[in-house]
Protein backbone atom coordinates (compact mmCIF):
# COMPACT_ATOMS: atom_id res chain seq x y z
CA MET A 1 12.46 16.51 9.44
CA ARG A 2 12.69 13.73 11.98
CA PRO A 3 9.94 11.18 11.98
CA SER A 4 7.69 10.99 14.87
CA PRO A 5 7.86 8.06 17.34
CA GLY A 6 4.50 6.85 16.12
CA ALA A 7 5.58 6.70 12.60
CA VAL A 8 8.71 4.83 13.55
CA ALA A 9 6.61 2.44 15.51
CA ARG A 10 4.28 1.87 12.52
CA ALA A 11 7.29 1.35 10.38
CA LEU A 12 8.62 -1.40 12.51
CA VAL A 13 5.35 -3.21 12.73
CA PRO A 14 4.88 -5.94 9.87
CA ARG A 15 2.21 -5.04 7.55
CA THR A 16 1.44 -8.52 6.25
CA LEU A 17 -0.66 -11.08 8.15
CA ARG A 18 2.28 -13.71 7.89
CA GLY A 19 4.66 -11.04 9.35
CA GLN A 20 2.29 -10.01 12.18
CA LEU A 21 1.54 -13.82 13.17
CA THR A 22 5.31 -14.75 13.13
CA THR A 23 6.20 -11.71 15.03
CA GLY A 24 3.34 -12.20 17.57
CA LEU A 25 4.45 -15.86 17.95
CA VAL A 26 8.07 -14.92 18.59
CA ALA A 27 7.06 -12.13 21.01
CA LEU A 28 4.95 -14.17 23.08
CA LEU A 29 7.73 -16.74 23.19
CA ALA A 30 10.22 -14.06 24.19
CA LEU A 31 7.81 -12.94 27.00
CA ALA A 32 7.67 -16.42 28.16
CA CYS A 33 11.48 -16.98 28.15
CA ALA A 34 11.96 -13.51 29.94
CA ALA A 35 9.45 -14.51 32.67
CA VAL A 36 11.16 -18.08 32.95
CA GLY A 37 14.61 -16.40 33.01
CA ILE A 38 13.74 -13.79 35.61
CA THR A 39 12.13 -16.37 37.80
CA THR A 40 15.03 -18.80 37.68
CA VAL A 41 17.53 -16.03 38.30
CA LEU A 42 15.60 -14.47 41.25
CA GLY A 43 15.02 -18.17 42.54
CA LEU A 44 18.75 -19.14 42.40
CA SER A 45 19.94 -15.88 43.72
CA GLY A 46 17.49 -16.13 46.63
CA PHE A 47 18.49 -19.81 47.25
CA LEU A 48 22.20 -18.98 47.24
CA VAL A 49 21.87 -16.07 49.34
CA GLY A 50 19.72 -18.11 51.79
CA ARG A 51 22.48 -20.65 51.88
CA LEU A 52 25.03 -17.84 52.84
CA ASP A 53 22.78 -16.74 55.70
CA GLN A 54 22.61 -20.43 56.88
CA GLN A 55 26.40 -20.65 56.88
CA LEU A 56 26.71 -17.33 58.78
CA SER A 57 24.17 -18.62 61.22
CA ALA A 58 26.13 -21.82 61.59
CA SER A 59 29.36 -20.01 62.11
CA ASP A 60 27.87 -18.34 65.23
CA GLY A 61 30.36 -15.38 64.79
CA ARG A 62 33.30 -17.34 65.92
CA PHE A 63 35.74 -15.59 63.66
CA ALA A 64 34.39 -12.11 64.69
CA ALA A 65 34.47 -13.14 68.48
CA SER A 66 38.15 -13.93 68.16
CA LEU A 67 38.78 -10.33 67.57
CA GLU A 68 36.97 -9.36 70.69
CA HIS A 69 39.84 -8.96 73.15
CA GLU A 70 43.24 -7.17 73.17
CA ASN A 71 44.59 -5.76 69.92
CA THR A 72 47.76 -7.93 70.37
CA PRO A 73 46.99 -11.45 69.94
CA ASP A 74 48.29 -14.21 72.10
CA ALA A 75 47.37 -17.76 72.80
CA ASP A 76 43.99 -16.79 74.22
CA ASN A 77 42.81 -14.38 71.66
CA THR A 78 44.25 -15.47 68.44
CA PRO A 79 41.75 -15.15 65.51
CA ASP A 80 39.87 -18.46 65.28
CA THR A 81 39.95 -19.43 61.51
CA ARG A 82 39.07 -23.22 62.09
CA GLY A 83 36.30 -24.23 59.86
CA GLN A 84 35.95 -20.81 58.32
CA SER A 85 35.93 -20.61 54.46
CA GLU A 86 38.28 -18.43 52.68
CA GLY A 87 36.92 -15.00 52.24
CA THR A 88 34.95 -14.88 55.61
CA PHE A 89 34.82 -11.38 56.87
CA GLY A 90 34.93 -10.47 60.67
CA ALA A 91 34.78 -7.10 62.34
CA ARG A 92 34.56 -5.80 65.86
CA LEU A 93 32.97 -2.47 66.46
CA LEU A 94 33.50 -0.64 69.60
CA PRO A 95 31.70 2.57 70.47
CA GLY A 96 33.95 5.54 70.12
CA THR A 97 37.13 3.47 69.50
CA GLY A 98 36.70 2.49 65.83
CA ALA A 99 36.61 -1.02 64.42
CA ARG A 100 39.02 -3.95 63.79
CA ALA A 101 38.34 -6.09 60.70
CA ALA A 102 39.96 -9.22 59.21
CA VAL A 103 39.45 -11.63 56.33
CA VAL A 104 40.18 -15.32 56.25
CA GLN A 105 42.86 -16.10 53.63
CA GLU A 106 44.20 -19.69 53.18
CA ASP A 107 43.48 -20.79 56.85
CA SER A 108 44.98 -17.49 58.20
CA ASP A 109 43.66 -14.09 58.67
CA ALA A 110 44.55 -10.74 57.42
CA SER A 111 43.83 -7.47 58.84
CA VAL A 112 41.51 -5.20 56.46
CA PRO A 113 41.71 -1.48 56.52
CA LEU A 114 38.38 0.16 56.74
CA SER A 115 37.54 3.43 55.12
CA PRO A 116 35.10 5.82 56.89
CA ALA A 117 32.60 4.67 54.24
CA ASP A 118 32.96 1.19 55.16
CA ARG A 119 32.81 1.95 59.02
CA ARG A 120 29.51 3.72 58.37
CA ALA A 121 28.24 0.88 56.27
CA LEU A 122 29.16 -1.60 58.99
CA ALA A 123 27.74 0.52 61.73
CA ALA A 124 24.35 0.69 59.77
CA VAL A 125 23.95 -3.16 59.75
CA PRO A 126 21.09 -4.10 61.99
CA VAL A 127 22.10 -6.08 65.13
CA ASP A 128 19.40 -8.76 64.57
CA GLY A 129 21.40 -11.79 63.61
CA HIS A 130 19.90 -11.66 59.96
CA GLY A 131 21.88 -11.50 56.86
CA HIS A 132 22.33 -8.18 55.02
CA SER A 133 24.00 -7.31 51.72
CA VAL A 134 26.70 -4.58 52.04
CA ARG A 135 29.18 -3.57 49.53
CA LEU A 136 32.69 -2.90 51.11
CA SER A 137 35.19 -0.64 49.30
CA GLY A 138 38.15 -2.92 49.44
CA LEU A 139 36.32 -6.40 49.50
CA GLY A 140 33.35 -6.01 47.14
CA PRO A 141 29.65 -7.22 47.98
CA TYR A 142 29.32 -9.23 51.24
CA ARG A 143 26.42 -10.79 53.15
CA LEU A 144 26.89 -9.69 56.81
CA THR A 145 25.20 -10.56 60.05
CA ALA A 146 25.80 -8.39 63.33
CA VAL A 147 25.40 -9.70 66.94
CA ARG A 148 26.14 -8.23 70.33
CA GLY A 149 29.49 -9.17 72.01
CA ASP A 150 30.51 -9.81 75.63
CA ASP A 151 31.90 -6.27 75.89
CA HIS A 152 28.89 -4.43 74.65
CA ASP A 153 30.61 -4.30 71.25
CA VAL A 154 29.24 -5.35 67.93
CA LEU A 155 30.62 -8.38 66.22
CA VAL A 156 30.00 -8.51 62.46
CA THR A 157 30.58 -11.72 60.44
CA GLY A 158 30.22 -11.85 56.65
CA LEU A 159 30.64 -14.09 53.56
CA PRO A 160 31.39 -12.86 50.10
CA LEU A 161 28.70 -12.55 47.49
CA ARG A 162 30.98 -12.81 44.42
CA PRO A 163 30.46 -16.63 44.09
CA VAL A 164 26.81 -16.09 44.19
CA GLU A 165 26.92 -13.20 41.71
CA ALA A 166 29.18 -15.36 39.43
CA THR A 167 26.83 -18.43 39.46
CA VAL A 168 23.78 -15.95 38.73
CA HIS A 169 25.69 -14.30 35.90
CA ARG A 170 26.59 -17.81 34.47
CA LEU A 171 22.98 -18.83 34.65
CA GLU A 172 21.86 -15.60 32.84
CA ALA A 173 24.53 -16.22 30.10
CA VAL A 174 23.35 -19.85 29.62
CA GLU A 175 19.66 -18.79 29.57
CA ALA A 176 20.31 -15.98 27.10
CA ALA A 177 22.18 -18.39 24.65
CA VAL A 178 19.52 -21.06 25.09
CA PHE A 179 16.59 -18.69 24.74
CA GLY A 180 18.24 -16.87 21.90
CA VAL A 181 18.67 -20.09 19.94
CA ALA A 182 15.15 -21.15 21.03
CA LEU A 183 13.63 -17.87 19.58
CA ALA A 184 15.64 -18.12 16.44
CA ALA A 185 14.40 -21.66 15.77
CA THR A 186 10.85 -20.75 16.72
CA GLY A 187 11.01 -17.74 14.47
CA THR A 188 12.09 -19.74 11.41
CA ALA A 189 9.85 -22.72 12.12
CA GLY A 190 6.99 -20.33 12.89
CA ALA A 191 7.45 -18.52 9.65
CA LEU A 192 7.42 -21.64 7.72
CA TRP A 193 4.33 -22.85 9.56
CA VAL A 194 2.49 -19.64 9.18
CA ARG A 195 3.43 -19.55 5.42
CA ILE A 196 2.02 -23.10 4.77
CA SER A 197 -1.08 -22.38 6.96
CA LEU A 198 -1.78 -19.24 4.91
CA ARG A 199 -1.21 -20.71 1.54
CA PRO A 200 -4.97 -21.07 0.85
CA LEU A 201 -5.41 -17.37 1.72
CA ARG A 202 -2.69 -16.39 -0.79
CA LEU A 203 -4.61 -18.29 -3.29
CA VAL A 204 -7.71 -16.20 -2.50
CA THR A 205 -5.51 -12.98 -2.57
CA ALA A 206 -4.17 -14.06 -6.01
CA THR A 207 -7.76 -14.57 -7.26
CA ALA A 208 -9.00 -11.31 -6.00
CA ALA A 209 -6.04 -9.58 -7.51
CA SER A 210 -6.58 -11.09 -10.95
CA VAL A 211 -10.35 -10.14 -10.71
CA ALA A 212 -9.20 -6.58 -9.87
CA GLU A 213 -7.21 -6.38 -12.92
CA LEU A 214 -9.99 -7.49 -15.26
CA PRO A 215 -11.57 -4.94 -17.51
CA LEU A 216 -15.12 -5.29 -16.01
CA ALA A 217 -16.37 -1.97 -17.49
CA SER A 218 -17.28 -3.42 -20.87
CA GLY A 219 -16.84 -6.33 -23.26
CA GLU A 220 -16.67 -9.94 -22.56
CA VAL A 221 -14.91 -10.87 -19.55
CA ALA A 222 -13.28 -14.22 -18.74
CA MET A 223 -13.55 -14.85 -14.97
CA PRO A 224 -10.63 -16.66 -13.26
CA GLU A 225 -10.73 -20.22 -11.91
CA PRO A 226 -12.53 -20.56 -8.47
CA VAL A 227 -10.42 -20.80 -5.27
CA PRO A 228 -9.73 -24.34 -4.37
CA VAL A 229 -11.16 -24.84 -0.88
CA THR A 230 -9.76 -27.99 0.96
CA ALA A 231 -10.81 -27.17 4.52
CA PRO A 232 -14.32 -25.46 4.18
CA ASP A 233 -14.75 -25.55 8.08
CA THR A 234 -11.70 -23.22 8.73
CA GLU A 235 -11.67 -19.58 8.59
CA VAL A 236 -9.59 -19.45 5.55
CA GLY A 237 -11.93 -22.07 3.79
CA GLN A 238 -14.94 -19.90 4.65
CA VAL A 239 -13.42 -16.98 3.00
CA GLY A 240 -12.48 -19.08 -0.09
CA THR A 241 -16.01 -20.33 -0.26
CA ALA A 242 -17.35 -16.79 0.07
CA VAL A 243 -15.06 -15.57 -2.59
CA ASN A 244 -16.10 -18.37 -4.98
CA ARG A 245 -19.68 -17.52 -4.41
CA MET A 246 -19.07 -13.87 -5.23
CA LEU A 247 -17.14 -14.77 -8.30
CA GLY A 248 -20.14 -16.78 -9.44
CA HIS A 249 -22.46 -13.85 -8.90
CA VAL A 250 -20.19 -11.55 -10.70
CA GLY A 251 -19.69 -13.89 -13.53
CA ASP A 252 -23.37 -14.46 -13.96
CA ALA A 253 -23.95 -10.52 -14.04
CA LEU A 254 -21.28 -10.07 -16.52
CA GLU A 255 -22.65 -12.86 -18.82
CA ARG A 256 -26.22 -11.26 -18.66
CA ARG A 257 -24.67 -7.80 -19.38
CA GLN A 258 -22.63 -9.03 -22.17
CA ALA A 259 -25.68 -10.72 -23.71
CA SER A 260 -27.78 -7.59 -23.10
CA GLU A 261 -25.00 -5.51 -25.06
CA GLU A 262 -24.80 -8.05 -27.78
CA ARG A 263 -28.61 -7.92 -28.25
CA LEU A 264 -28.47 -4.09 -28.18
CA ARG A 265 -25.70 -3.87 -30.75
CA ARG A 266 -27.55 -6.35 -33.06
CA PHE A 267 -30.70 -4.23 -32.70
CA ALA A 268 -28.84 -0.91 -33.35
CA ALA A 269 -27.20 -2.54 -36.40
CA ASP A 270 -30.23 -4.25 -37.69
CA ALA A 271 -32.47 -1.18 -37.03
CA SER A 272 -29.99 1.12 -38.71
CA HIS A 273 -29.51 -1.19 -41.69
CA GLU A 274 -33.29 -1.47 -42.05
CA LEU A 275 -33.86 2.34 -41.63
CA ARG A 276 -31.42 3.38 -44.47
CA THR A 277 -33.82 2.24 -47.30
CA PRO A 278 -36.91 4.07 -46.05
CA VAL A 279 -34.94 7.19 -45.24
CA ALA A 280 -33.29 7.18 -48.53
CA ASN A 281 -36.77 6.70 -50.15
CA ILE A 282 -38.03 9.69 -48.25
CA ARG A 283 -35.09 11.85 -49.30
CA GLY A 284 -35.61 10.77 -52.99
CA HIS A 285 -39.34 11.44 -53.05
CA THR A 286 -38.79 14.80 -51.35
CA GLU A 287 -36.08 16.05 -53.75
CA LEU A 288 -38.30 14.84 -56.62
CA ALA A 289 -41.20 16.79 -55.39
CA LEU A 290 -39.15 19.95 -54.97
CA ARG A 291 -38.01 19.67 -58.41
CA GLN A 292 -41.48 19.87 -60.00
CA LYS A 293 -42.05 23.09 -61.88
CA SER A 294 -45.74 23.13 -61.32
CA PRO A 295 -46.98 25.79 -58.81
CA VAL A 296 -46.99 24.48 -55.17
CA PRO A 297 -48.34 26.41 -52.19
CA ALA A 298 -45.64 28.06 -50.05
CA GLN A 299 -46.65 26.08 -46.94
CA VAL A 300 -46.33 22.91 -48.82
CA LEU A 301 -42.89 23.94 -50.10
CA ARG A 302 -41.73 24.75 -46.56
CA SER A 303 -43.00 21.39 -45.38
CA LEU A 304 -40.96 19.73 -48.11
CA ASP A 305 -37.93 21.61 -47.17
CA ARG A 306 -38.30 20.55 -43.55
CA ILE A 307 -38.93 16.91 -44.64
CA GLN A 308 -35.71 17.01 -46.55
CA SER A 309 -33.61 18.50 -43.89
CA GLU A 310 -34.97 16.10 -41.27
CA SER A 311 -34.43 13.16 -43.71
CA VAL A 312 -30.83 14.31 -44.17
CA ARG A 313 -30.38 14.41 -40.44
CA MET A 314 -32.04 11.01 -40.02
CA SER A 315 -29.62 9.60 -42.69
CA ARG A 316 -26.71 10.85 -40.81
CA LEU A 317 -28.05 9.44 -37.51
CA VAL A 318 -28.75 6.04 -39.13
CA ASP A 319 -25.22 6.04 -40.58
CA ASP A 320 -23.63 7.02 -37.36
CA LEU A 321 -25.42 4.34 -35.45
CA LEU A 322 -24.61 1.62 -37.92
CA LEU A 323 -21.02 2.73 -37.82
CA LEU A 324 -20.86 2.60 -34.06
CA ALA A 325 -22.46 -0.96 -34.14
CA ARG A 326 -20.04 -2.20 -36.60
CA ILE A 327 -17.10 -0.74 -34.53
CA ASP A 328 -18.46 -2.23 -31.34
CA ALA A 329 -18.57 -5.53 -33.19
CA GLY A 330 -15.01 -5.11 -34.33
CA HIS A 331 -15.80 -5.27 -38.16
CA ALA A 332 -15.51 -1.64 -39.39
CA LEU A 333 -11.88 -1.00 -39.97
CA ASP A 334 -9.91 -1.29 -43.25
CA LEU A 335 -6.40 -1.21 -42.10
CA GLY A 336 -3.60 0.10 -44.20
CA PRO A 337 -0.97 2.72 -44.24
CA VAL A 338 -2.34 6.34 -43.61
CA ASP A 339 -0.51 9.63 -44.19
CA LEU A 340 -1.74 11.35 -41.05
CA THR A 341 -0.17 14.71 -41.96
CA ARG A 342 -2.02 14.87 -45.26
CA LEU A 343 -5.30 13.72 -43.55
CA VAL A 344 -5.13 16.45 -40.86
CA LEU A 345 -4.29 19.04 -43.56
CA ASP A 346 -7.20 18.19 -45.64
CA ALA A 347 -9.53 17.97 -42.64
CA THR A 348 -8.36 21.37 -41.51
CA ASP A 349 -8.94 22.89 -44.94
CA ASP A 350 -12.56 21.36 -45.03
CA ALA A 351 -13.30 22.84 -41.48
CA ARG A 352 -11.84 26.19 -42.47
CA ALA A 353 -14.20 26.34 -45.43
CA ALA A 354 -17.13 25.38 -43.29
CA GLY A 355 -16.26 27.95 -40.65
CA PRO A 356 -14.59 30.84 -42.29
CA GLY A 357 -15.54 33.21 -39.19
CA HIS A 358 -13.07 31.20 -36.92
CA ARG A 359 -9.28 31.53 -37.00
CA TRP A 360 -7.57 28.28 -37.82
CA LEU A 361 -3.99 27.60 -36.82
CA LEU A 362 -2.25 24.44 -38.07
CA ASP A 363 1.01 23.02 -36.62
CA LEU A 364 2.42 20.07 -38.40
CA PRO A 365 5.89 18.44 -38.11
CA ALA A 366 8.63 18.80 -40.73
CA ARG A 367 8.42 15.19 -41.73
CA ALA A 368 5.19 13.26 -42.74
CA VAL A 369 3.71 11.22 -39.91
CA ALA A 370 2.34 7.70 -40.96
CA VAL A 371 0.04 5.33 -38.96
CA THR A 372 -1.47 1.94 -39.67
CA GLY A 373 -5.31 2.38 -39.89
CA ASP A 374 -8.51 3.04 -41.54
CA ASP A 375 -8.06 6.21 -43.74
CA HIS A 376 -11.78 6.88 -44.09
CA ARG A 377 -12.59 6.47 -40.28
CA LEU A 378 -9.55 8.40 -39.14
CA HIS A 379 -10.65 11.18 -41.47
CA GLN A 380 -14.05 10.99 -40.07
CA ALA A 381 -12.76 11.13 -36.42
CA VAL A 382 -10.53 14.07 -37.13
CA GLY A 383 -13.35 15.94 -38.95
CA ASN A 384 -15.76 15.26 -36.12
CA LEU A 385 -13.28 16.94 -33.62
CA LEU A 386 -12.85 20.01 -35.76
CA ALA A 387 -16.70 20.27 -36.45
CA ASN A 388 -17.38 20.02 -32.69
CA ALA A 389 -14.88 22.79 -32.04
CA ARG A 390 -16.37 24.86 -34.73
CA SER A 391 -20.05 24.27 -33.94
CA HIS A 392 -19.66 24.92 -30.15
CA THR A 393 -17.67 28.07 -30.37
CA PRO A 394 -18.63 31.61 -31.48
CA ALA A 395 -17.23 33.29 -34.63
CA GLY A 396 -13.73 34.68 -34.01
CA THR A 397 -12.62 31.92 -31.91
CA GLU A 398 -9.18 30.61 -32.33
CA ILE A 399 -8.94 26.95 -33.04
CA SER A 400 -5.42 25.34 -33.09
CA VAL A 401 -4.63 21.87 -34.68
CA ARG A 402 -1.23 20.24 -33.75
CA LEU A 403 0.17 17.10 -34.86
CA ALA A 404 3.36 15.72 -33.29
CA ALA A 405 5.13 12.33 -33.20
CA GLY A 406 6.84 11.22 -29.89
CA PRO A 407 8.21 7.91 -28.43
CA ASP A 408 4.91 7.44 -26.49
CA GLY A 409 2.77 7.77 -29.42
CA ILE A 410 1.40 10.17 -32.08
CA ARG A 411 -0.50 13.18 -30.58
CA LEU A 412 -3.23 15.09 -32.33
CA THR A 413 -4.53 18.05 -30.30
CA VAL A 414 -7.50 20.29 -31.12
CA ALA A 415 -7.62 23.35 -28.82
CA ASP A 416 -9.87 26.38 -28.74
CA ASN A 417 -10.31 29.50 -26.55
CA GLY A 418 -14.11 29.33 -26.69
CA PRO A 419 -16.48 29.09 -23.74
CA GLY A 420 -15.41 25.52 -22.68
CA ILE A 421 -17.27 22.46 -21.65
CA PRO A 422 -19.38 22.54 -18.34
CA ALA A 423 -17.65 20.58 -15.57
CA ARG A 424 -20.64 18.35 -15.14
CA LEU A 425 -20.55 17.36 -18.78
CA LEU A 426 -16.77 16.68 -19.06
CA PRO A 427 -16.68 13.15 -17.60
CA GLU A 428 -19.35 11.91 -20.09
CA VAL A 429 -18.51 14.21 -23.12
CA PHE A 430 -17.68 11.11 -25.27
CA GLY A 431 -20.84 9.37 -24.52
CA ARG A 432 -23.67 8.81 -27.09
CA PHE A 433 -26.26 11.40 -27.51
CA VAL A 434 -24.50 13.82 -25.13
CA ARG A 435 -25.57 17.47 -25.54
CA ALA A 436 -24.43 20.43 -23.45
CA ASP A 437 -27.88 22.11 -23.98
CA ARG A 438 -30.41 19.23 -23.94
CA GLY A 439 -33.08 21.51 -25.38
CA ARG A 440 -31.07 23.45 -28.05
CA SER A 441 -32.03 23.63 -31.60
CA ARG A 442 -30.68 20.94 -34.03
CA LYS A 443 -30.50 23.17 -36.99
CA ASP A 444 -26.84 22.30 -37.46
CA GLY A 445 -27.73 18.75 -38.13
CA GLY A 446 -25.74 17.40 -35.38
CA THR A 447 -26.76 13.94 -33.98
CA GLY A 448 -24.97 13.80 -30.60
CA LEU A 449 -22.69 10.90 -31.79
CA GLY A 450 -19.70 12.92 -33.18
CA LEU A 451 -17.43 12.61 -30.15
CA ALA A 452 -18.64 8.94 -29.44
CA ILE A 453 -17.56 8.20 -32.96
CA VAL A 454 -14.15 9.81 -32.36
CA ARG A 455 -13.65 7.65 -29.17
CA ALA A 456 -14.99 4.50 -30.96
CA VAL A 457 -12.56 4.83 -33.92
CA VAL A 458 -9.51 6.02 -31.95
CA THR A 459 -10.17 3.06 -29.37
CA ALA A 460 -10.48 0.64 -32.45
CA HIS A 461 -6.98 1.80 -33.57
CA GLY A 462 -5.42 0.89 -30.08
CA GLY A 463 -5.26 4.67 -29.02
CA ARG A 464 -7.13 6.89 -26.60
CA VAL A 465 -8.79 10.30 -26.60
CA GLU A 466 -8.87 12.73 -23.68
CA ALA A 467 -10.67 16.04 -23.03
CA ALA A 468 -9.69 18.98 -20.78
CA SER A 469 -11.47 22.36 -20.32
CA GLY A 470 -10.87 25.18 -18.05
CA ASP A 471 -9.39 28.72 -17.81
CA GLY A 472 -10.96 29.73 -21.16
CA ARG A 473 -9.37 26.79 -23.07
CA THR A 474 -10.60 23.41 -24.28
CA VAL A 475 -8.28 20.72 -25.46
CA PHE A 476 -9.08 17.38 -27.11
CA THR A 477 -6.14 14.99 -27.33
CA VAL A 478 -5.95 11.87 -29.43
CA VAL A 479 -2.97 9.45 -29.01
CA LEU A 480 -2.41 6.86 -31.50
CA PRO A 481 0.27 4.15 -31.28
CA VAL A 482 3.51 4.44 -33.06
CA PRO A 483 3.59 2.18 -36.25
CA PRO A 484 6.42 -0.45 -36.44
CA HIS A 485 8.15 1.62 -38.99
CA ASP A 486 9.94 4.95 -38.39
CA GLY A 487 6.79 6.97 -38.59
CA SER A 488 7.46 8.83 -41.76
CA TYR A 489 7.39 8.14 -45.51
């Protein structure tokens, strides 16, 4: 497929500002050189042709007049070549009898045969005494003038245009060489000048690029140094000043956000820590009351059961919140070697026992896979993934668990053929307190933090977790970095 002319033109146009400025400078200089060259060539050509016309007018047709009488020359009608320059052309045109022509060569004349085209060209020259350019087949370009003779004939006198053309071509060659050197020198010097002039703008670009690479979504962010502004009254200086002002605003906003996140983490950690004791006391007193043998009304027993179940759920919520706060603070992992194969096998056995109505498929590699991490937290993350697949799919759903080690990392996938995740929920499925049905019953004891803990634990281990759902299949993929050893025991 051939590219369109527009695509070719766009490909030839420089994309950078430096290239555009340099190209524009060279193009303007080229236009100026072309205008000067054309003007000088046309001026010189007109001047030289005018000189030829003056010479023709000064010659007064003497050479052509010497051809006016008999065809056989004698002492009275010998062609007059005195004062005639070499190459001077003379012709006598008689109505109905043809024409006689000669050219001066080294102070003598030589007859020139005329072709029919030459005769027609000579006959077409206006008899006005002015110069006209005509190309003769045997002589080349000539400047001719025609006047009336004594015998009602036409006398044509001409001078060659070759010297004029040679001089003009010589000027064109000199101008092409001079202008070419000037354009090359200007292009080089202009590129250097534009590069130096745009150096402050490159600093602005570098600063903006470094800001674009910063992880501004979360966490503490170190803003780059401000752009040095040496000339604030220039356009580039104004851009640098505006960028520095913008960086200041962004830095202030990020510092405030970071401080707010730190306060929120401390609050969550402190609140969770403080709630653990009263929640544990409530559970203890409730269990103690349920163990009493004395008769208790059925309504009271039901209330105690509800208090116990809700206290259990509240305990899980407090523990999950405290775990997330500690992970956010970076103090929740106890790193060491972890047999991930055994961990996945145990977690799947636990999930199978909790969900016997589901079909569980396990695919493990032949060799044990090991990672460096926190065994307890990784077990909790895998368990949360399996519990999420079990609690959000009906009985009979097939849930497959696959572990594989590759060069890009260790992959754990949990897939099911259940109803799937709504498209609107998929982008925020790993958020905190995210529920597909915001009004559904919480009888399963879920806190809405299971997948958030999965992401927090995996991220703390230097990995990533992804979710995809569609066409009757939901897949959660956990990718952990490959440990420095060979990945097996």
